[in-house]
Amino acid sequence: MNKEQIGQAIAEARKAQGITIRELAGRCSTSTRAVQAVEKGWYNVGIDTYLALAQQLGVELQIKPIERTKGAE
């Protein structure tokens, strides 16, 4: 998963819950511009920011192994 896909997932979760960018930014003590940039995949943020956004949206970030095809090493 790349930062654009993570941002899209955050945006979808936020919209599904009817939360504005301004509300989410306030809950995470960050700027609306930063949330917009994260949702668009334009902004490199630390894991703490991703975790704060996910926590406020009630979603979970997971790390899992990438499925590799046989012989692709």
PDB file of N, CA and C in Angstrom:
ATOM      1  N   MET A   1       0.856  -1.169   0.000  1.00  0.00           N
ATOM      2  CA  MET A   1       0.000   0.000   0.000  1.00  0.00           C
ATOM      3  C   MET A   1       0.901   1.231   0.000  1.00  0.00           C
ATOM      4  N   ASN A   2       0.566   2.205  -0.814  1.00  0.00           N
ATOM      5  CA  ASN A   2       1.368   3.427  -0.862  1.00  0.00           C
ATOM      6  C   ASN A   2       0.626   4.579  -0.178  1.00  0.00           C
ATOM      7  N   LYS A   3       1.279   5.739  -0.111  1.00  0.00           N
ATOM      8  CA  LYS A   3       0.692   6.855   0.632  1.00  0.00           C
ATOM      9  C   LYS A   3      -0.594   7.367  -0.018  1.00  0.00           C
ATOM     10  N   GLU A   4      -0.722   7.242  -1.337  1.00  0.00           N
ATOM     11  CA  GLU A   4      -1.960   7.648  -1.996  1.00  0.00           C
ATOM     12  C   GLU A   4      -3.118   6.739  -1.586  1.00  0.00           C
ATOM     13  N   GLN A   5      -2.862   5.451  -1.512  1.00  0.00           N
ATOM     14  CA  GLN A   5      -3.901   4.492  -1.111  1.00  0.00           C
ATOM     15  C   GLN A   5      -4.281   4.668   0.354  1.00  0.00           C
ATOM     16  N   ILE A   6      -3.306   4.938   1.192  1.00  0.00           N
ATOM     17  CA  ILE A   6      -3.597   5.184   2.613  1.00  0.00           C
ATOM     18  C   ILE A   6      -4.441   6.449   2.737  1.00  0.00           C
ATOM     19  N   GLY A   7      -4.054   7.490   2.016  1.00  0.00           N
ATOM     20  CA  GLY A   7      -4.810   8.736   2.049  1.00  0.00           C
ATOM     21  C   GLY A   7      -6.242   8.550   1.574  1.00  0.00           C
ATOM     22  N   GLN A   8      -6.414   7.775   0.516  1.00  0.00           N
ATOM     23  CA  GLN A   8      -7.749   7.508  -0.011  1.00  0.00           C
ATOM     24  C   GLN A   8      -8.585   6.750   1.020  1.00  0.00           C
ATOM     25  N   ALA A   9      -7.989   5.788   1.691  1.00  0.00           N
ATOM     26  CA  ALA A   9      -8.705   5.027   2.718  1.00  0.00           C
ATOM     27  C   ALA A   9      -9.111   5.931   3.881  1.00  0.00           C
ATOM     28  N   ILE A  10      -8.227   6.842   4.266  1.00  0.00           N
ATOM     29  CA  ILE A  10      -8.545   7.784   5.343  1.00  0.00           C
ATOM     30  C   ILE A  10      -9.693   8.690   4.911  1.00  0.00           C
ATOM     31  N   ALA A  11      -9.629   9.199   3.688  1.00  0.00           N
ATOM     32  CA  ALA A  11     -10.686  10.073   3.181  1.00  0.00           C
ATOM     33  C   ALA A  11     -12.026   9.345   3.138  1.00  0.00           C
ATOM     34  N   GLU A  12     -12.026   8.108   2.672  1.00  0.00           N
ATOM     35  CA  GLU A  12     -13.269   7.334   2.598  1.00  0.00           C
ATOM     36  C   GLU A  12     -13.863   7.091   3.984  1.00  0.00           C
ATOM     37  N   ALA A  13     -13.014   6.762   4.955  1.00  0.00           N
ATOM     38  CA  ALA A  13     -13.498   6.536   6.323  1.00  0.00           C
ATOM     39  C   ALA A  13     -14.063   7.825   6.911  1.00  0.00           C
ATOM     40  N   ARG A  14     -13.381   8.929   6.658  1.00  0.00           N
ATOM     41  CA  ARG A  14     -13.846  10.219   7.175  1.00  0.00           C
ATOM     42  C   ARG A  14     -15.201  10.588   6.582  1.00  0.00           C
ATOM     43  N   LYS A  15     -15.321  10.473   5.276  1.00  0.00           N
ATOM     44  CA  LYS A  15     -16.565  10.820   4.590  1.00  0.00           C
ATOM     45  C   LYS A  15     -17.712   9.899   5.005  1.00  0.00           C
ATOM     46  N   ALA A  16     -17.422   8.616   5.163  1.00  0.00           N
ATOM     47  CA  ALA A  16     -18.456   7.655   5.565  1.00  0.00           C
ATOM     48  C   ALA A  16     -19.035   7.988   6.936  1.00  0.00           C
ATOM     49  N   GLN A  17     -18.220   8.627   7.770  1.00  0.00           N
ATOM     50  CA  GLN A  17     -18.659   8.991   9.119  1.00  0.00           C
ATOM     51  C   GLN A  17     -19.207  10.412   9.195  1.00  0.00           C
ATOM     52  N   GLY A  18     -19.210  11.113   8.069  1.00  0.00           N
ATOM     53  CA  GLY A  18     -19.733  12.469   8.041  1.00  0.00           C
ATOM     54  C   GLY A  18     -18.882  13.476   8.796  1.00  0.00           C
ATOM     55  N   ILE A  19     -17.583  13.222   8.861  1.00  0.00           N
ATOM     56  CA  ILE A  19     -16.658  14.105   9.572  1.00  0.00           C
ATOM     57  C   ILE A  19     -15.999  15.022   8.553  1.00  0.00           C
ATOM     58  N   THR A  20     -15.943  16.304   8.850  1.00  0.00           N
ATOM     59  CA  THR A  20     -15.267  17.237   7.944  1.00  0.00           C
ATOM     60  C   THR A  20     -13.757  17.168   8.155  1.00  0.00           C
ATOM     61  N   ILE A  21     -13.037  17.673   7.159  1.00  0.00           N
ATOM     62  CA  ILE A  21     -11.582  17.743   7.283  1.00  0.00           C
ATOM     63  C   ILE A  21     -11.218  18.611   8.481  1.00  0.00           C
ATOM     64  N   ARG A  22     -11.920  19.697   8.660  1.00  0.00           N
ATOM     65  CA  ARG A  22     -11.653  20.607   9.784  1.00  0.00           C
ATOM     66  C   ARG A  22     -11.850  19.888  11.127  1.00  0.00           C
ATOM     67  N   GLU A  23     -12.924  19.109  11.242  1.00  0.00           N
ATOM     68  CA  GLU A  23     -13.169  18.370  12.488  1.00  0.00           C
ATOM     69  C   GLU A  23     -12.052  17.361  12.752  1.00  0.00           C
ATOM     70  N   LEU A  24     -11.684  16.608  11.724  1.00  0.00           N
ATOM     71  CA  LEU A  24     -10.642  15.595  11.894  1.00  0.00           C
ATOM     72  C   LEU A  24      -9.314  16.247  12.261  1.00  0.00           C
ATOM     73  N   ALA A  25      -8.991  17.339  11.600  1.00  0.00           N
ATOM     74  CA  ALA A  25      -7.744  18.053  11.914  1.00  0.00           C
ATOM     75  C   ALA A  25      -7.741  18.514  13.366  1.00  0.00           C
ATOM     76  N   GLY A  26      -8.864  19.050  13.827  1.00  0.00           N
ATOM     77  CA  GLY A  26      -8.952  19.501  15.212  1.00  0.00           C
ATOM     78  C   GLY A  26      -8.779  18.370  16.204  1.00  0.00           C
ATOM     79  N   ARG A  27      -9.381  17.241  15.906  1.00  0.00           N
ATOM     80  CA  ARG A  27      -9.264  16.083  16.796  1.00  0.00           C
ATOM     81  C   ARG A  27      -7.838  15.559  16.863  1.00  0.00           C
ATOM     82  N   CYS A  28      -7.075  15.763  15.783  1.00  0.00           N
ATOM     83  CA  CYS A  28      -5.701  15.251  15.717  1.00  0.00           C
ATOM     84  C   CYS A  28      -4.659  16.323  15.995  1.00  0.00           C
ATOM     85  N   SER A  29      -5.110  17.515  16.340  1.00  0.00           N
ATOM     86  CA  SER A  29      -4.201  18.645  16.601  1.00  0.00           C
ATOM     87  C   SER A  29      -3.256  18.897  15.440  1.00  0.00           C
ATOM     88  N   THR A  30      -3.817  18.908  14.232  1.00  0.00           N
ATOM     89  CA  THR A  30      -3.041  19.221  13.039  1.00  0.00           C
ATOM     90  C   THR A  30      -3.837  20.205  12.197  1.00  0.00           C
ATOM     91  N   SER A  31      -3.285  20.650  11.098  1.00  0.00           N
ATOM     92  CA  SER A  31      -3.962  21.628  10.257  1.00  0.00           C
ATOM     93  C   SER A  31      -4.867  20.947   9.233  1.00  0.00           C
ATOM     94  N   THR A  32      -5.855  21.694   8.760  1.00  0.00           N
ATOM     95  CA  THR A  32      -6.732  21.163   7.710  1.00  0.00           C
ATOM     96  C   THR A  32      -5.923  20.921   6.441  1.00  0.00           C
ATOM     97  N   ARG A  33      -4.968  21.782   6.185  1.00  0.00           N
ATOM     98  CA  ARG A  33      -4.118  21.621   5.000  1.00  0.00           C
ATOM     99  C   ARG A  33      -3.334  20.305   5.061  1.00  0.00           C
ATOM    100  N   ALA A  34      -2.864  19.938   6.253  1.00  0.00           N
ATOM    101  CA  ALA A  34      -2.119  18.680   6.406  1.00  0.00           C
ATOM    102  C   ALA A  34      -3.029  17.484   6.150  1.00  0.00           C
ATOM    103  N   VAL A  35      -4.259  17.524   6.676  1.00  0.00           N
ATOM    104  CA  VAL A  35      -5.202  16.411   6.451  1.00  0.00           C
ATOM    105  C   VAL A  35      -5.524  16.307   4.967  1.00  0.00           C
ATOM    106  N   GLN A  36      -5.782  17.434   4.315  1.00  0.00           N
ATOM    107  CA  GLN A  36      -6.057  17.422   2.873  1.00  0.00           C
ATOM    108  C   GLN A  36      -4.895  16.811   2.101  1.00  0.00           C
ATOM    109  N   ALA A  37      -3.682  17.198   2.445  1.00  0.00           N
ATOM    110  CA  ALA A  37      -2.503  16.695   1.748  1.00  0.00           C
ATOM    111  C   ALA A  37      -2.323  15.196   1.978  1.00  0.00           C
ATOM    112  N   VAL A  38      -2.565  14.737   3.201  1.00  0.00           N
ATOM    113  CA  VAL A  38      -2.475  13.300   3.497  1.00  0.00           C
ATOM    114  C   VAL A  38      -3.504  12.545   2.659  1.00  0.00           C
ATOM    115  N   GLU A  39      -4.734  13.042   2.627  1.00  0.00           N
ATOM    116  CA  GLU A  39      -5.796  12.361   1.886  1.00  0.00           C
ATOM    117  C   GLU A  39      -5.499  12.291   0.384  1.00  0.00           C
ATOM    118  N   LYS A  40      -4.781  13.270  -0.130  1.00  0.00           N
ATOM    119  CA  LYS A  40      -4.426  13.276  -1.552  1.00  0.00           C
ATOM    120  C   LYS A  40      -3.136  12.499  -1.827  1.00  0.00           C
ATOM    121  N   GLY A  41      -2.426  12.101  -0.768  1.00  0.00           N
ATOM    122  CA  GLY A  41      -1.168  11.385  -0.937  1.00  0.00           C
ATOM    123  C   GLY A  41      -0.012  12.302  -1.295  1.00  0.00           C
ATOM    124  N   TRP A  42      -0.162  13.602  -1.023  1.00  0.00           N
ATOM    125  CA  TRP A  42       0.852  14.577  -1.385  1.00  0.00           C
ATOM    126  C   TRP A  42       1.871  14.821  -0.289  1.00  0.00           C
ATOM    127  N   TYR A  43       1.635  14.293   0.871  1.00  0.00           N
ATOM    128  CA  TYR A  43       2.373  14.738   2.047  1.00  0.00           C
ATOM    129  C   TYR A  43       2.954  13.546   2.772  1.00  0.00           C
ATOM    130  N   ASN A  44       4.239  13.587   3.044  1.00  0.00           N
ATOM    131  CA  ASN A  44       4.866  12.548   3.855  1.00  0.00           C
ATOM    132  C   ASN A  44       4.740  12.955   5.313  1.00  0.00           C
ATOM    133  N   VAL A  45       4.051  12.153   6.078  1.00  0.00           N
ATOM    134  CA  VAL A  45       3.898  12.429   7.499  1.00  0.00           C
ATOM    135  C   VAL A  45       4.458  11.257   8.280  1.00  0.00           C
ATOM    136  N   GLY A  46       4.712  11.487   9.533  1.00  0.00           N
ATOM    137  CA  GLY A  46       5.208  10.417  10.385  1.00  0.00           C
ATOM    138  C   GLY A  46       4.102   9.433  10.731  1.00  0.00           C
ATOM    139  N   ILE A  47       4.501   8.298  11.196  1.00  0.00           N
ATOM    140  CA  ILE A  47       3.547   7.254  11.569  1.00  0.00           C
ATOM    141  C   ILE A  47       2.609   7.741  12.660  1.00  0.00           C
ATOM    142  N   ASP A  48       3.083   8.636  13.522  1.00  0.00           N
ATOM    143  CA  ASP A  48       2.217   9.169  14.585  1.00  0.00           C
ATOM    144  C   ASP A  48       0.997   9.884  14.013  1.00  0.00           C
ATOM    145  N   THR A  49       1.184  10.602  12.918  1.00  0.00           N
ATOM    146  CA  THR A  49       0.053  11.305  12.298  1.00  0.00           C
ATOM    147  C   THR A  49      -0.931  10.318  11.699  1.00  0.00           C
ATOM    148  N   TYR A  50      -0.421   9.324  10.988  1.00  0.00           N
ATOM    149  CA  TYR A  50      -1.315   8.303  10.435  1.00  0.00           C
ATOM    150  C   TYR A  50      -2.080   7.588  11.551  1.00  0.00           C
ATOM    151  N   LEU A  51      -1.376   7.264  12.630  1.00  0.00           N
ATOM    152  CA  LEU A  51      -2.030   6.590  13.756  1.00  0.00           C
ATOM    153  C   LEU A  51      -3.093   7.477  14.399  1.00  0.00           C
ATOM    154  N   ALA A  52      -2.810   8.776  14.542  1.00  0.00           N
ATOM    155  CA  ALA A  52      -3.789   9.695  15.130  1.00  0.00           C
ATOM    156  C   ALA A  52      -5.028   9.796  14.249  1.00  0.00           C
ATOM    157  N   LEU A  53      -4.831   9.919  12.946  1.00  0.00           N
ATOM    158  CA  LEU A  53      -5.971   9.980  12.026  1.00  0.00           C
ATOM    159  C   LEU A  53      -6.795   8.698  12.108  1.00  0.00           C
ATOM    160  N   ALA A  54      -6.120   7.559  12.064  1.00  0.00           N
ATOM    161  CA  ALA A  54      -6.820   6.278  12.132  1.00  0.00           C
ATOM    162  C   ALA A  54      -7.574   6.119  13.444  1.00  0.00           C
ATOM    163  N   GLN A  55      -6.941   6.486  14.542  1.00  0.00           N
ATOM    164  CA  GLN A  55      -7.584   6.352  15.846  1.00  0.00           C
ATOM    165  C   GLN A  55      -8.843   7.209  15.918  1.00  0.00           C
ATOM    166  N   GLN A  56      -8.771   8.430  15.453  1.00  0.00           N
ATOM    167  CA  GLN A  56      -9.935   9.311  15.500  1.00  0.00           C
ATOM    168  C   GLN A  56     -11.062   8.822  14.602  1.00  0.00           C
ATOM    169  N   LEU A  57     -10.712   8.075  13.550  1.00  0.00           N
ATOM    170  CA  LEU A  57     -11.727   7.533  12.647  1.00  0.00           C
ATOM    171  C   LEU A  57     -12.194   6.147  13.064  1.00  0.00           C
ATOM    172  N   GLY A  58     -11.554   5.594  14.088  1.00  0.00           N
ATOM    173  CA  GLY A  58     -11.945   4.266  14.555  1.00  0.00           C
ATOM    174  C   GLY A  58     -11.574   3.162  13.579  1.00  0.00           C
ATOM    175  N   VAL A  59     -10.470   3.374  12.856  1.00  0.00           N
ATOM    176  CA  VAL A  59      -9.975   2.347  11.940  1.00  0.00           C
ATOM    177  C   VAL A  59      -8.586   1.909  12.387  1.00  0.00           C
ATOM    178  N   GLU A  60      -8.131   0.810  11.850  1.00  0.00           N
ATOM    179  CA  GLU A  60      -6.866   0.228  12.270  1.00  0.00           C
ATOM    180  C   GLU A  60      -5.883   0.198  11.111  1.00  0.00           C
ATOM    181  N   LEU A  61      -4.662   0.599  11.371  1.00  0.00           N
ATOM    182  CA  LEU A  61      -3.584   0.428  10.403  1.00  0.00           C
ATOM    183  C   LEU A  61      -2.922  -0.907  10.693  1.00  0.00           C
ATOM    184  N   GLN A  62      -2.629  -1.650   9.643  1.00  0.00           N
ATOM    185  CA  GLN A  62      -2.004  -2.955   9.826  1.00  0.00           C
ATOM    186  C   GLN A  62      -0.759  -3.062   8.961  1.00  0.00           C
ATOM    187  N   ILE A  63       0.175  -3.820   9.457  1.00  0.00           N
ATOM    188  CA  ILE A  63       1.352  -4.164   8.673  1.00  0.00           C
ATOM    189  C   ILE A  63       1.277  -5.663   8.443  1.00  0.00           C
ATOM    190  N   LYS A  64       1.354  -6.043   7.188  1.00  0.00           N
ATOM    191  CA  LYS A  64       1.302  -7.466   6.879  1.00  0.00           C
ATOM    192  C   LYS A  64       2.276  -7.770   5.748  1.00  0.00           C
ATOM    193  N   PRO A  65       2.699  -8.993   5.659  1.00  0.00           N
ATOM    194  CA  PRO A  65       3.660  -9.359   4.610  1.00  0.00           C
ATOM    195  C   PRO A  65       3.060  -9.176   3.220  1.00  0.00           C
ATOM    196  N   ILE A  66       3.905  -8.786   2.286  1.00  0.00           N
ATOM    197  CA  ILE A  66       3.490  -8.678   0.886  1.00  0.00           C
ATOM    198  C   ILE A  66       3.492 -10.080   0.299  1.00  0.00           C
ATOM    199  N   GLU A  67       2.426 -10.392  -0.409  1.00  0.00           N
ATOM    200  CA  GLU A  67       2.371 -11.694  -1.075  1.00  0.00           C
ATOM    201  C   GLU A  67       3.275 -11.656  -2.296  1.00  0.00           C
ATOM    202  N   ARG A  68       4.207 -12.542  -2.326  1.00  0.00           N
ATOM    203  CA  ARG A  68       5.155 -12.589  -3.444  1.00  0.00           C
ATOM    204  C   ARG A  68       4.883 -13.820  -4.274  1.00  0.00           C
ATOM    205  N   THR A  69       5.088 -13.675  -5.561  1.00  0.00           N
ATOM    206  CA  THR A  69       4.942 -14.834  -6.436  1.00  0.00           C
ATOM    207  C   THR A  69       6.198 -15.677  -6.347  1.00  0.00           C
ATOM    208  N   LYS A  70       6.057 -16.925  -6.613  1.00  0.00           N
ATOM    209  CA  LYS A  70       7.182 -17.855  -6.531  1.00  0.00           C
ATOM    210  C   LYS A  70       8.284 -17.432  -7.502  1.00  0.00           C
ATOM    211  N   GLY A  71       9.499 -17.331  -6.979  1.00  0.00           N
ATOM    212  CA  GLY A  71      10.656 -16.982  -7.793  1.00  0.00           C
ATOM    213  C   GLY A  71      10.913 -15.480  -7.901  1.00  0.00           C
ATOM    214  N   ALA A  72      10.059 -14.655  -7.271  1.00  0.00           N
ATOM    215  CA  ALA A  72      10.243 -13.194  -7.339  1.00  0.00           C
ATOM    216  C   ALA A  72      10.987 -12.712  -6.100  1.00  0.00           C
ATOM    217  N   GLU A  73      12.270 -12.964  -6.048  1.00  0.00           N
ATOM    218  CA  GLU A  73      13.077 -12.545  -4.891  1.00  0.00           C
ATOM    219  C   GLU A  73      14.184 -11.643  -5.320  1.00  0.00           C
TER     220      GLU A  73
END
